[in-house]
Each structure stands twice: as structure tokens, then as C-alpha cells.
Amino acid sequence: QRLVRDRYYLQQCDHGALALYLVLVTVSDAEGLSYYSEPTLQRLLNMQPAQLLSARPQLLQAGLIVFEKPLYQVLSLERPVEGTGLAQPAKRSGQATPVSDILRRLLGGAA
């Protein structure tokens, strides 16, 4: 609801970026991770490679995702800063889990 109600995030991205975001939200696991490859995302979204390469930076800039090839992580939406209306979301700190930590956890703590 915050995505639509606050409109900050919607104003930061074009239709292609929002379509990519929808797919990532839909396919991500409980930690917001998606392992879908670029060719798979292009096929699902009917996008050319250049379109995907244009969409991803918009989501990164808006603070909606982090990306470290080959993993995407969808981030939680923060409320706008008090008194600023829709101008900017609150600063994020420590929300993205480093991919190395995630992989270490998945592999049972192996280094």
C-alpha cells in the first residue's frame, strides 16, 4: 500500500522498472531474494537486454532493490521523513544483507 499511497517510489521509475519490480516482488523468497537470471527476466517481461539494463538502475536509485549479480534483493519500503511529505523516504541503514552472509547461511555456515 505504501508503494501506491506515498507515490515517491512510483515517481522515481518508468513502466519498465516498475514491471521488473513487480516480478521481483512476486518471485522473491522470504528474505526478498530472487535468483532469476537476466534472460529469464527478459523473457518474463518481454524486454530487450537494454530495457532490463535501463530498468535496474532506476530501482537501485529509488532504494527499492539491491543487486549483486546474480542476486536481486527487494528492500522494505520506508516511510517518508516527517515533515517532508512525499519528498524523500527515510534513510536506510543496514537493511540489505550482504550476499556473502546470505550464501554463508545457505551453505550452513561454511566459509
PDB file of N, CA and C in Angstrom:
ATOM      1  N   GLN A   1       0.813  -1.191   0.000  1.00  0.00           N
ATOM      2  CA  GLN A   1       0.000   0.000   0.000  1.00  0.00           C
ATOM      3  C   GLN A   1       0.860   1.259   0.000  1.00  0.00           C
ATOM      4  N   ARG A   2       1.963   1.208   0.710  1.00  0.00           N
ATOM      5  CA  ARG A   2       2.829   2.385   0.784  1.00  0.00           C
ATOM      6  C   ARG A   2       3.385   2.746  -0.591  1.00  0.00           C
ATOM      7  N   LEU A   3       3.658   1.746  -1.407  1.00  0.00           N
ATOM      8  CA  LEU A   3       4.177   1.988  -2.754  1.00  0.00           C
ATOM      9  C   LEU A   3       3.239   2.903  -3.534  1.00  0.00           C
ATOM     10  N   VAL A   4       1.958   2.655  -3.455  1.00  0.00           N
ATOM     11  CA  VAL A   4       0.970   3.446  -4.197  1.00  0.00           C
ATOM     12  C   VAL A   4       0.594   4.713  -3.441  1.00  0.00           C
ATOM     13  N   ARG A   5       0.356   4.585  -2.152  1.00  0.00           N
ATOM     14  CA  ARG A   5      -0.130   5.720  -1.362  1.00  0.00           C
ATOM     15  C   ARG A   5       0.886   6.863  -1.311  1.00  0.00           C
ATOM     16  N   ASP A   6       2.145   6.557  -1.060  1.00  0.00           N
ATOM     17  CA  ASP A   6       3.153   7.610  -0.918  1.00  0.00           C
ATOM     18  C   ASP A   6       3.638   8.161  -2.258  1.00  0.00           C
ATOM     19  N   ARG A   7       3.540   7.398  -3.306  1.00  0.00           N
ATOM     20  CA  ARG A   7       3.881   7.769  -4.669  1.00  0.00           C
ATOM     21  C   ARG A   7       5.348   8.142  -4.889  1.00  0.00           C
ATOM     22  N   TYR A   8       6.138   8.298  -3.855  1.00  0.00           N
ATOM     23  CA  TYR A   8       7.542   8.660  -4.028  1.00  0.00           C
ATOM     24  C   TYR A   8       8.241   7.667  -4.950  1.00  0.00           C
ATOM     25  N   TYR A   9       8.062   6.391  -4.663  1.00  0.00           N
ATOM     26  CA  TYR A   9       8.764   5.361  -5.424  1.00  0.00           C
ATOM     27  C   TYR A   9       8.254   5.283  -6.862  1.00  0.00           C
ATOM     28  N   LEU A  10       6.942   5.423  -7.040  1.00  0.00           N
ATOM     29  CA  LEU A  10       6.371   5.359  -8.387  1.00  0.00           C
ATOM     30  C   LEU A  10       6.893   6.493  -9.268  1.00  0.00           C
ATOM     31  N   GLN A  11       7.133   7.630  -8.691  1.00  0.00           N
ATOM     32  CA  GLN A  11       7.614   8.781  -9.454  1.00  0.00           C
ATOM     33  C   GLN A  11       9.077   8.644  -9.848  1.00  0.00           C
ATOM     34  N   GLN A  12       9.803   7.734  -9.224  1.00  0.00           N
ATOM     35  CA  GLN A  12      11.233   7.560  -9.494  1.00  0.00           C
ATOM     36  C   GLN A  12      11.512   6.601 -10.654  1.00  0.00           C
ATOM     37  N   CYS A  13      10.477   5.854 -11.087  1.00  0.00           N
ATOM     38  CA  CYS A  13      10.708   4.768 -12.035  1.00  0.00           C
ATOM     39  C   CYS A  13       9.745   4.814 -13.209  1.00  0.00           C
ATOM     40  N   ASP A  14      10.229   4.361 -14.373  1.00  0.00           N
ATOM     41  CA  ASP A  14       9.336   4.262 -15.530  1.00  0.00           C
ATOM     42  C   ASP A  14       8.616   2.908 -15.502  1.00  0.00           C
ATOM     43  N   HIS A  15       7.788   2.682 -16.515  1.00  0.00           N
ATOM     44  CA  HIS A  15       6.967   1.477 -16.551  1.00  0.00           C
ATOM     45  C   HIS A  15       7.806   0.197 -16.573  1.00  0.00           C
ATOM     46  N   GLY A  16       8.900   0.210 -17.304  1.00  0.00           N
ATOM     47  CA  GLY A  16       9.757  -0.975 -17.369  1.00  0.00           C
ATOM     48  C   GLY A  16      10.352  -1.321 -16.017  1.00  0.00           C
ATOM     49  N   ALA A  17      10.801  -0.304 -15.284  1.00  0.00           N
ATOM     50  CA  ALA A  17      11.367  -0.536 -13.955  1.00  0.00           C
ATOM     51  C   ALA A  17      10.306  -1.048 -12.996  1.00  0.00           C
ATOM     52  N   LEU A  18       9.101  -0.494 -13.084  1.00  0.00           N
ATOM     53  CA  LEU A  18       8.027  -0.947 -12.204  1.00  0.00           C
ATOM     54  C   LEU A  18       7.596  -2.372 -12.539  1.00  0.00           C
ATOM     55  N   ALA A  19       7.634  -2.735 -13.822  1.00  0.00           N
ATOM     56  CA  ALA A  19       7.319  -4.113 -14.213  1.00  0.00           C
ATOM     57  C   ALA A  19       8.370  -5.067 -13.645  1.00  0.00           C
ATOM     58  N   LEU A  20       9.632  -4.679 -13.719  1.00  0.00           N
ATOM     59  CA  LEU A  20      10.698  -5.505 -13.142  1.00  0.00           C
ATOM     60  C   LEU A  20      10.496  -5.636 -11.636  1.00  0.00           C
ATOM     61  N   TYR A  21      10.160  -4.553 -10.970  1.00  0.00           N
ATOM     62  CA  TYR A  21       9.927  -4.581  -9.528  1.00  0.00           C
ATOM     63  C   TYR A  21       8.787  -5.544  -9.178  1.00  0.00           C
ATOM     64  N   LEU A  22       7.709  -5.490  -9.935  1.00  0.00           N
ATOM     65  CA  LEU A  22       6.575  -6.380  -9.687  1.00  0.00           C
ATOM     66  C   LEU A  22       7.000  -7.847  -9.782  1.00  0.00           C
ATOM     67  N   VAL A  23       7.768  -8.176 -10.809  1.00  0.00           N
ATOM     68  CA  VAL A  23       8.234  -9.557 -10.949  1.00  0.00           C
ATOM     69  C   VAL A  23       9.141  -9.933  -9.785  1.00  0.00           C
ATOM     70  N   LEU A  24      10.063  -9.053  -9.423  1.00  0.00           N
ATOM     71  CA  LEU A  24      10.986  -9.366  -8.328  1.00  0.00           C
ATOM     72  C   LEU A  24      10.242  -9.556  -7.005  1.00  0.00           C
ATOM     73  N   VAL A  25       9.247  -8.727  -6.737  1.00  0.00           N
ATOM     74  CA  VAL A  25       8.448  -8.877  -5.521  1.00  0.00           C
ATOM     75  C   VAL A  25       7.703 -10.208  -5.551  1.00  0.00           C
ATOM     76  N   THR A  26       7.185 -10.555  -6.705  1.00  0.00           N
ATOM     77  CA  THR A  26       6.389 -11.773  -6.850  1.00  0.00           C
ATOM     78  C   THR A  26       7.225 -13.041  -6.695  1.00  0.00           C
ATOM     79  N   VAL A  27       8.433 -13.045  -7.223  1.00  0.00           N
ATOM     80  CA  VAL A  27       9.231 -14.274  -7.230  1.00  0.00           C
ATOM     81  C   VAL A  27      10.248 -14.357  -6.096  1.00  0.00           C
ATOM     82  N   SER A  28      10.396 -13.316  -5.300  1.00  0.00           N
ATOM     83  CA  SER A  28      11.424 -13.334  -4.263  1.00  0.00           C
ATOM     84  C   SER A  28      11.023 -14.238  -3.107  1.00  0.00           C
ATOM     85  N   ASP A  29      12.038 -14.705  -2.392  1.00  0.00           N
ATOM     86  CA  ASP A  29      11.796 -15.571  -1.243  1.00  0.00           C
ATOM     87  C   ASP A  29      11.505 -14.721  -0.005  1.00  0.00           C
ATOM     88  N   ALA A  30      11.472 -15.348   1.171  1.00  0.00           N
ATOM     89  CA  ALA A  30      11.116 -14.661   2.415  1.00  0.00           C
ATOM     90  C   ALA A  30      12.088 -13.541   2.776  1.00  0.00           C
ATOM     91  N   GLU A  31      13.323 -13.609   2.275  1.00  0.00           N
ATOM     92  CA  GLU A  31      14.308 -12.568   2.553  1.00  0.00           C
ATOM     93  C   GLU A  31      14.374 -11.537   1.430  1.00  0.00           C
ATOM     94  N   GLY A  32      13.458 -11.633   0.468  1.00  0.00           N
ATOM     95  CA  GLY A  32      13.431 -10.684  -0.638  1.00  0.00           C
ATOM     96  C   GLY A  32      14.399 -11.026  -1.746  1.00  0.00           C
ATOM     97  N   LEU A  33      14.968 -12.222  -1.728  1.00  0.00           N
ATOM     98  CA  LEU A  33      15.964 -12.613  -2.720  1.00  0.00           C
ATOM     99  C   LEU A  33      15.323 -13.257  -3.938  1.00  0.00           C
ATOM    100  N   SER A  34      15.853 -12.912  -5.092  1.00  0.00           N
ATOM    101  CA  SER A  34      15.440 -13.537  -6.339  1.00  0.00           C
ATOM    102  C   SER A  34      16.683 -14.003  -7.071  1.00  0.00           C
ATOM    103  N   TYR A  35      16.622 -15.234  -7.524  1.00  0.00           N
ATOM    104  CA  TYR A  35      17.744 -15.829  -8.245  1.00  0.00           C
ATOM    105  C   TYR A  35      17.474 -15.889  -9.743  1.00  0.00           C
ATOM    106  N   TYR A  36      16.426 -15.229 -10.214  1.00  0.00           N
ATOM    107  CA  TYR A  36      16.081 -15.273 -11.630  1.00  0.00           C
ATOM    108  C   TYR A  36      17.191 -14.613 -12.451  1.00  0.00           C
ATOM    109  N   SER A  37      17.580 -15.266 -13.530  1.00  0.00           N
ATOM    110  CA  SER A  37      18.647 -14.746 -14.387  1.00  0.00           C
ATOM    111  C   SER A  37      18.122 -13.620 -15.271  1.00  0.00           C
ATOM    112  N   GLU A  38      19.027 -12.867 -15.835  1.00  0.00           N
ATOM    113  CA  GLU A  38      18.643 -11.788 -16.751  1.00  0.00           C
ATOM    114  C   GLU A  38      17.859 -12.313 -17.949  1.00  0.00           C
ATOM    115  N   PRO A  39      18.292 -13.411 -18.596  1.00  0.00           N
ATOM    116  CA  PRO A  39      17.489 -13.928 -19.715  1.00  0.00           C
ATOM    117  C   PRO A  39      16.073 -14.332 -19.299  1.00  0.00           C
ATOM    118  N   THR A  40      15.938 -14.907 -18.112  1.00  0.00           N
ATOM    119  CA  THR A  40      14.607 -15.294 -17.634  1.00  0.00           C
ATOM    120  C   THR A  40      13.747 -14.063 -17.385  1.00  0.00           C
ATOM    121  N   LEU A  41      14.313 -13.047 -16.752  1.00  0.00           N
ATOM    122  CA  LEU A  41      13.561 -11.813 -16.503  1.00  0.00           C
ATOM    123  C   LEU A  41      13.174 -11.143 -17.821  1.00  0.00           C
ATOM    124  N   GLN A  42      14.091 -11.134 -18.771  1.00  0.00           N
ATOM    125  CA  GLN A  42      13.783 -10.539 -20.084  1.00  0.00           C
ATOM    126  C   GLN A  42      12.636 -11.285 -20.751  1.00  0.00           C
ATOM    127  N   ARG A  43      12.649 -12.598 -20.653  1.00  0.00           N
ATOM    128  CA  ARG A  43      11.584 -13.389 -21.261  1.00  0.00           C
ATOM    129  C   ARG A  43      10.247 -13.150 -20.552  1.00  0.00           C
ATOM    130  N   LEU A  44      10.250 -13.166 -19.220  1.00  0.00           N
ATOM    131  CA  LEU A  44       9.020 -12.943 -18.458  1.00  0.00           C
ATOM    132  C   LEU A  44       8.403 -11.572 -18.733  1.00  0.00           C
ATOM    133  N   LEU A  45       9.271 -10.577 -18.898  1.00  0.00           N
ATOM    134  CA  LEU A  45       8.810  -9.201 -19.080  1.00  0.00           C
ATOM    135  C   LEU A  45       8.727  -8.786 -20.541  1.00  0.00           C
ATOM    136  N   ASN A  46       9.115  -9.691 -21.434  1.00  0.00           N
ATOM    137  CA  ASN A  46       9.158  -9.369 -22.861  1.00  0.00           C
ATOM    138  C   ASN A  46      10.000  -8.110 -23.099  1.00  0.00           C
ATOM    139  N   MET A  47      11.193  -8.098 -22.481  1.00  0.00           N
ATOM    140  CA  MET A  47      12.105  -6.951 -22.557  1.00  0.00           C
ATOM    141  C   MET A  47      13.353  -7.320 -23.340  1.00  0.00           C
ATOM    142  N   GLN A  48      13.889  -6.345 -24.024  1.00  0.00           N
ATOM    143  CA  GLN A  48      15.191  -6.484 -24.650  1.00  0.00           C
ATOM    144  C   GLN A  48      16.261  -6.289 -23.565  1.00  0.00           C
ATOM    145  N   PRO A  49      17.473  -6.812 -23.768  1.00  0.00           N
ATOM    146  CA  PRO A  49      18.525  -6.639 -22.757  1.00  0.00           C
ATOM    147  C   PRO A  49      18.742  -5.180 -22.355  1.00  0.00           C
ATOM    148  N   ALA A  50      18.708  -4.272 -23.314  1.00  0.00           N
ATOM    149  CA  ALA A  50      18.920  -2.847 -22.998  1.00  0.00           C
ATOM    150  C   ALA A  50      17.818  -2.303 -22.096  1.00  0.00           C
ATOM    151  N   GLN A  51      16.605  -2.804 -22.270  1.00  0.00           N
ATOM    152  CA  GLN A  51      15.499  -2.341 -21.423  1.00  0.00           C
ATOM    153  C   GLN A  51      15.701  -2.781 -19.977  1.00  0.00           C
ATOM    154  N   LEU A  52      16.143  -4.018 -19.779  1.00  0.00           N
ATOM    155  CA  LEU A  52      16.414  -4.501 -18.427  1.00  0.00           C
ATOM    156  C   LEU A  52      17.565  -3.714 -17.811  1.00  0.00           C
ATOM    157  N   LEU A  53      18.592  -3.453 -18.601  1.00  0.00           N
ATOM    158  CA  LEU A  53      19.731  -2.691 -18.095  1.00  0.00           C
ATOM    159  C   LEU A  53      19.357  -1.252 -17.762  1.00  0.00           C
ATOM    160  N   SER A  54      18.297  -0.744 -18.369  1.00  0.00           N
ATOM    161  CA  SER A  54      17.796   0.594 -18.051  1.00  0.00           C
ATOM    162  C   SER A  54      16.893   0.579 -16.824  1.00  0.00           C
ATOM    163  N   ALA A  55      16.143  -0.494 -16.644  1.00  0.00           N
ATOM    164  CA  ALA A  55      15.181  -0.589 -15.538  1.00  0.00           C
ATOM    165  C   ALA A  55      15.875  -0.784 -14.193  1.00  0.00           C
ATOM    166  N   ARG A  56      16.875  -1.646 -14.156  1.00  0.00           N
ATOM    167  CA  ARG A  56      17.526  -1.985 -12.884  1.00  0.00           C
ATOM    168  C   ARG A  56      18.104  -0.771 -12.156  1.00  0.00           C
ATOM    169  N   PRO A  57      18.846   0.125 -12.820  1.00  0.00           N
ATOM    170  CA  PRO A  57      19.402   1.277 -12.094  1.00  0.00           C
ATOM    171  C   PRO A  57      18.330   2.196 -11.494  1.00  0.00           C
ATOM    172  N   GLN A  58      17.175   2.255 -12.117  1.00  0.00           N
ATOM    173  CA  GLN A  58      16.095   3.074 -11.563  1.00  0.00           C
ATOM    174  C   GLN A  58      15.631   2.509 -10.218  1.00  0.00           C
ATOM    175  N   LEU A  59      15.520   1.191 -10.140  1.00  0.00           N
ATOM    176  CA  LEU A  59      15.108   0.556  -8.888  1.00  0.00           C
ATOM    177  C   LEU A  59      16.191   0.687  -7.821  1.00  0.00           C
ATOM    178  N   LEU A  60      17.445   0.601  -8.237  1.00  0.00           N
ATOM    179  CA  LEU A  60      18.561   0.798  -7.304  1.00  0.00           C
ATOM    180  C   LEU A  60      18.557   2.223  -6.769  1.00  0.00           C
ATOM    181  N   GLN A  61      18.415   3.193  -7.668  1.00  0.00           N
ATOM    182  CA  GLN A  61      18.417   4.609  -7.285  1.00  0.00           C
ATOM    183  C   GLN A  61      17.257   4.940  -6.353  1.00  0.00           C
ATOM    184  N   ALA A  62      16.101   4.343  -6.587  1.00  0.00           N
ATOM    185  CA  ALA A  62      14.926   4.594  -5.751  1.00  0.00           C
ATOM    186  C   ALA A  62      15.012   3.870  -4.403  1.00  0.00           C
ATOM    187  N   GLY A  63      16.001   2.998  -4.246  1.00  0.00           N
ATOM    188  CA  GLY A  63      16.146   2.274  -2.985  1.00  0.00           C
ATOM    189  C   GLY A  63      15.172   1.125  -2.831  1.00  0.00           C
ATOM    190  N   LEU A  64      14.678   0.607  -3.955  1.00  0.00           N
ATOM    191  CA  LEU A  64      13.719  -0.493  -3.906  1.00  0.00           C
ATOM    192  C   LEU A  64      14.391  -1.859  -3.909  1.00  0.00           C
ATOM    193  N   ILE A  65      15.591  -1.940  -4.468  1.00  0.00           N
ATOM    194  CA  ILE A  65      16.308  -3.210  -4.552  1.00  0.00           C
ATOM    195  C   ILE A  65      17.794  -2.978  -4.324  1.00  0.00           C
ATOM    196  N   VAL A  66      18.486  -4.071  -4.075  1.00  0.00           N
ATOM    197  CA  VAL A  66      19.941  -4.113  -4.210  1.00  0.00           C
ATOM    198  C   VAL A  66      20.220  -5.234  -5.201  1.00  0.00           C
ATOM    199  N   PHE A  67      21.356  -5.148  -5.869  1.00  0.00           N
ATOM    200  CA  PHE A  67      21.694  -6.140  -6.879  1.00  0.00           C
ATOM    201  C   PHE A  67      23.172  -6.440  -6.811  1.00  0.00           C
ATOM    202  N   GLU A  68      23.487  -7.711  -6.711  1.00  0.00           N
ATOM    203  CA  GLU A  68      24.855  -8.191  -6.831  1.00  0.00           C
ATOM    204  C   GLU A  68      24.759  -9.457  -7.646  1.00  0.00           C
ATOM    205  N   LYS A  69      25.168  -9.351  -8.899  1.00  0.00           N
ATOM    206  CA  LYS A  69      24.974 -10.443  -9.839  1.00  0.00           C
ATOM    207  C   LYS A  69      25.374 -11.767  -9.219  1.00  0.00           C
ATOM    208  N   PRO A  70      24.521 -12.729  -9.233  1.00  0.00           N
ATOM    209  CA  PRO A  70      23.267 -12.863  -9.964  1.00  0.00           C
ATOM    210  C   PRO A  70      22.022 -12.613  -9.113  1.00  0.00           C
ATOM    211  N   LEU A  71      22.191 -12.072  -7.891  1.00  0.00           N
ATOM    212  CA  LEU A  71      21.077 -11.957  -6.949  1.00  0.00           C
ATOM    213  C   LEU A  71      20.482 -10.553  -6.899  1.00  0.00           C
ATOM    214  N   TYR A  72      19.154 -10.524  -6.853  1.00  0.00           N
ATOM    215  CA  TYR A  72      18.413  -9.307  -6.555  1.00  0.00           C
ATOM    216  C   TYR A  72      17.873  -9.456  -5.144  1.00  0.00           C
ATOM    217  N   GLN A  73      17.790  -8.357  -4.403  1.00  0.00           N
ATOM    218  CA  GLN A  73      17.093  -8.370  -3.133  1.00  0.00           C
ATOM    219  C   GLN A  73      16.135  -7.191  -3.104  1.00  0.00           C
ATOM    220  N   VAL A  74      14.861  -7.482  -2.876  1.00  0.00           N
ATOM    221  CA  VAL A  74      13.838  -6.458  -2.744  1.00  0.00           C
ATOM    222  C   VAL A  74      13.918  -5.941  -1.310  1.00  0.00           C
ATOM    223  N   LEU A  75      13.966  -4.618  -1.164  1.00  0.00           N
ATOM    224  CA  LEU A  75      14.057  -3.999   0.157  1.00  0.00           C
ATOM    225  C   LEU A  75      12.685  -3.576   0.654  1.00  0.00           C
ATOM    226  N   SER A  76      12.561  -3.470   1.972  1.00  0.00           N
ATOM    227  CA  SER A  76      11.301  -2.986   2.530  1.00  0.00           C
ATOM    228  C   SER A  76      11.167  -1.494   2.228  1.00  0.00           C
ATOM    229  N   LEU A  77       9.934  -1.024   2.155  1.00  0.00           N
ATOM    230  CA  LEU A  77       9.668   0.385   1.892  1.00  0.00           C
ATOM    231  C   LEU A  77       9.655   1.143   3.212  1.00  0.00           C
ATOM    232  N   GLU A  78      10.372   2.229   3.232  1.00  0.00           N
ATOM    233  CA  GLU A  78      10.423   3.064   4.425  1.00  0.00           C
ATOM    234  C   GLU A  78       9.408   4.193   4.305  1.00  0.00           C
ATOM    235  N   ARG A  79       8.954   4.662   5.438  1.00  0.00           N
ATOM    236  CA  ARG A  79       8.042   5.807   5.445  1.00  0.00           C
ATOM    237  C   ARG A  79       8.813   7.080   5.114  1.00  0.00           C
ATOM    238  N   PRO A  80       8.148   8.083   4.476  1.00  0.00           N
ATOM    239  CA  PRO A  80       8.808   9.362   4.218  1.00  0.00           C
ATOM    240  C   PRO A  80       9.213  10.035   5.531  1.00  0.00           C
ATOM    241  N   VAL A  81      10.236  10.864   5.476  1.00  0.00           N
ATOM    242  CA  VAL A  81      10.714  11.596   6.643  1.00  0.00           C
ATOM    243  C   VAL A  81       9.619  12.549   7.108  1.00  0.00           C
ATOM    244  N   GLU A  82       9.399  12.610   8.418  1.00  0.00           N
ATOM    245  CA  GLU A  82       8.383  13.502   8.977  1.00  0.00           C
ATOM    246  C   GLU A  82       8.584  14.930   8.499  1.00  0.00           C
ATOM    247  N   GLY A  83       7.489  15.564   8.124  1.00  0.00           N
ATOM    248  CA  GLY A  83       7.528  16.963   7.723  1.00  0.00           C
ATOM    249  C   GLY A  83       7.952  17.194   6.292  1.00  0.00           C
ATOM    250  N   THR A  84       8.334  16.135   5.584  1.00  0.00           N
ATOM    251  CA  THR A  84       8.769  16.328   4.203  1.00  0.00           C
ATOM    252  C   THR A  84       7.732  15.854   3.206  1.00  0.00           C
ATOM    253  N   GLY A  85       6.603  15.341   3.681  1.00  0.00           N
ATOM    254  CA  GLY A  85       5.570  14.866   2.770  1.00  0.00           C
ATOM    255  C   GLY A  85       6.065  13.701   1.941  1.00  0.00           C
ATOM    256  N   LEU A  86       6.023  13.848   0.640  1.00  0.00           N
ATOM    257  CA  LEU A  86       6.421  12.769  -0.256  1.00  0.00           C
ATOM    258  C   LEU A  86       7.815  12.962  -0.828  1.00  0.00           C
ATOM    259  N   ALA A  87       8.522  13.959  -0.355  1.00  0.00           N
ATOM    260  CA  ALA A  87       9.790  14.333  -0.980  1.00  0.00           C
ATOM    261  C   ALA A  87      10.830  13.221  -0.960  1.00  0.00           C
ATOM    262  N   GLN A  88      11.096  12.651   0.217  1.00  0.00           N
ATOM    263  CA  GLN A  88      12.132  11.625   0.276  1.00  0.00           C
ATOM    264  C   GLN A  88      11.785  10.579   1.315  1.00  0.00           C
ATOM    265  N   PRO A  89      12.185   9.333   1.062  1.00  0.00           N
ATOM    266  CA  PRO A  89      11.971   8.304   2.075  1.00  0.00           C
ATOM    267  C   PRO A  89      13.002   8.450   3.185  1.00  0.00           C
ATOM    268  N   ALA A  90      12.741   7.811   4.286  1.00  0.00           N
ATOM    269  CA  ALA A  90      13.695   7.805   5.395  1.00  0.00           C
ATOM    270  C   ALA A  90      14.986   7.133   4.945  1.00  0.00           C
ATOM    271  N   LYS A  91      16.091   7.530   5.558  1.00  0.00           N
ATOM    272  CA  LYS A  91      17.378   6.909   5.248  1.00  0.00           C
ATOM    273  C   LYS A  91      17.346   5.447   5.646  1.00  0.00           C
ATOM    274  N   ARG A  92      17.960   4.614   4.845  1.00  0.00           N
ATOM    275  CA  ARG A  92      18.054   3.190   5.151  1.00  0.00           C
ATOM    276  C   ARG A  92      19.415   2.924   5.774  1.00  0.00           C
ATOM    277  N   SER A  93      19.406   2.065   6.753  1.00  0.00           N
ATOM    278  CA  SER A  93      20.690   1.717   7.343  1.00  0.00           C
ATOM    279  C   SER A  93      20.697   0.241   7.698  1.00  0.00           C
ATOM    280  N   GLY A  94      21.571  -0.501   7.045  1.00  0.00           N
ATOM    281  CA  GLY A  94      21.752  -1.897   7.368  1.00  0.00           C
ATOM    282  C   GLY A  94      20.625  -2.818   6.950  1.00  0.00           C
ATOM    283  N   GLN A  95      19.770  -2.412   6.050  1.00  0.00           N
ATOM    284  CA  GLN A  95      18.670  -3.282   5.667  1.00  0.00           C
ATOM    285  C   GLN A  95      19.091  -4.356   4.683  1.00  0.00           C
ATOM    286  N   ALA A  96      20.018  -4.062   3.832  1.00  0.00           N
ATOM    287  CA  ALA A  96      20.450  -5.042   2.841  1.00  0.00           C
ATOM    288  C   ALA A  96      21.441  -6.001   3.497  1.00  0.00           C
ATOM    289  N   THR A  97      21.189  -7.264   3.352  1.00  0.00           N
ATOM    290  CA  THR A  97      22.091  -8.278   3.866  1.00  0.00           C
ATOM    291  C   THR A  97      23.135  -8.567   2.797  1.00  0.00           C
ATOM    292  N   PRO A  98      24.419  -8.488   3.151  1.00  0.00           N
ATOM    293  CA  PRO A  98      25.440  -8.793   2.150  1.00  0.00           C
ATOM    294  C   PRO A  98      25.230 -10.187   1.564  1.00  0.00           C
ATOM    295  N   VAL A  99      25.424 -10.315   0.266  1.00  0.00           N
ATOM    296  CA  VAL A  99      25.225 -11.592  -0.407  1.00  0.00           C
ATOM    297  C   VAL A  99      26.137 -12.659   0.199  1.00  0.00           C
ATOM    298  N   SER A 100      27.330 -12.276   0.604  1.00  0.00           N
ATOM    299  CA  SER A 100      28.252 -13.253   1.199  1.00  0.00           C
ATOM    300  C   SER A 100      27.658 -13.848   2.478  1.00  0.00           C
ATOM    301  N   ASP A 101      26.970 -13.030   3.296  1.00  0.00           N
ATOM    302  CA  ASP A 101      26.320 -13.540   4.511  1.00  0.00           C
ATOM    303  C   ASP A 101      25.179 -14.491   4.166  1.00  0.00           C
ATOM    304  N   ILE A 102      24.416 -14.132   3.147  1.00  0.00           N
ATOM    305  CA  ILE A 102      23.288 -14.969   2.738  1.00  0.00           C
ATOM    306  C   ILE A 102      23.795 -16.317   2.238  1.00  0.00           C
ATOM    307  N   LEU A 103      24.819 -16.282   1.384  1.00  0.00           N
ATOM    308  CA  LEU A 103      25.374 -17.529   0.861  1.00  0.00           C
ATOM    309  C   LEU A 103      25.971 -18.380   1.981  1.00  0.00           C
ATOM    310  N   ARG A 104      26.630 -17.739   2.922  1.00  0.00           N
ATOM    311  CA  ARG A 104      27.214 -18.463   4.063  1.00  0.00           C
ATOM    312  C   ARG A 104      26.108 -19.158   4.863  1.00  0.00           C
ATOM    313  N   ARG A 105      24.992 -18.443   5.090  1.00  0.00           N
ATOM    314  CA  ARG A 105      23.866 -19.035   5.800  1.00  0.00           C
ATOM    315  C   ARG A 105      23.254 -20.201   5.028  1.00  0.00           C
ATOM    316  N   LEU A 106      23.118 -20.039   3.710  1.00  0.00           N
ATOM    317  CA  LEU A 106      22.561 -21.091   2.882  1.00  0.00           C
ATOM    318  C   LEU A 106      23.434 -22.330   2.858  1.00  0.00           C
ATOM    319  N   LEU A 107      24.744 -22.118   2.971  1.00  0.00           N
ATOM    320  CA  LEU A 107      25.687 -23.239   2.934  1.00  0.00           C
ATOM    321  C   LEU A 107      25.974 -23.794   4.329  1.00  0.00           C
ATOM    322  N   GLY A 108      25.193 -23.373   5.290  1.00  0.00           N
ATOM    323  CA  GLY A 108      25.323 -23.919   6.640  1.00  0.00           C
ATOM    324  C   GLY A 108      26.485 -23.387   7.418  1.00  0.00           C
ATOM    325  N   GLY A 109      26.867 -22.139   7.179  1.00  0.00           N
ATOM    326  CA  GLY A 109      27.916 -21.512   7.959  1.00  0.00           C
ATOM    327  C   GLY A 109      29.301 -21.762   7.422  1.00  0.00           C
ATOM    328  N   ALA A 110      29.426 -22.464   6.292  1.00  0.00           N
ATOM    329  CA  ALA A 110      30.757 -22.708   5.728  1.00  0.00           C
ATOM    330  C   ALA A 110      31.356 -21.406   5.227  1.00  0.00           C
ATOM    331  N   ALA A 111      32.636 -21.246   5.370  1.00  0.00           N
ATOM    332  CA  ALA A 111      33.311 -20.025   4.940  1.00  0.00           C
ATOM    333  C   ALA A 111      33.560 -20.009   3.460  1.00  0.00           C
TER     334      ALA A 111
END
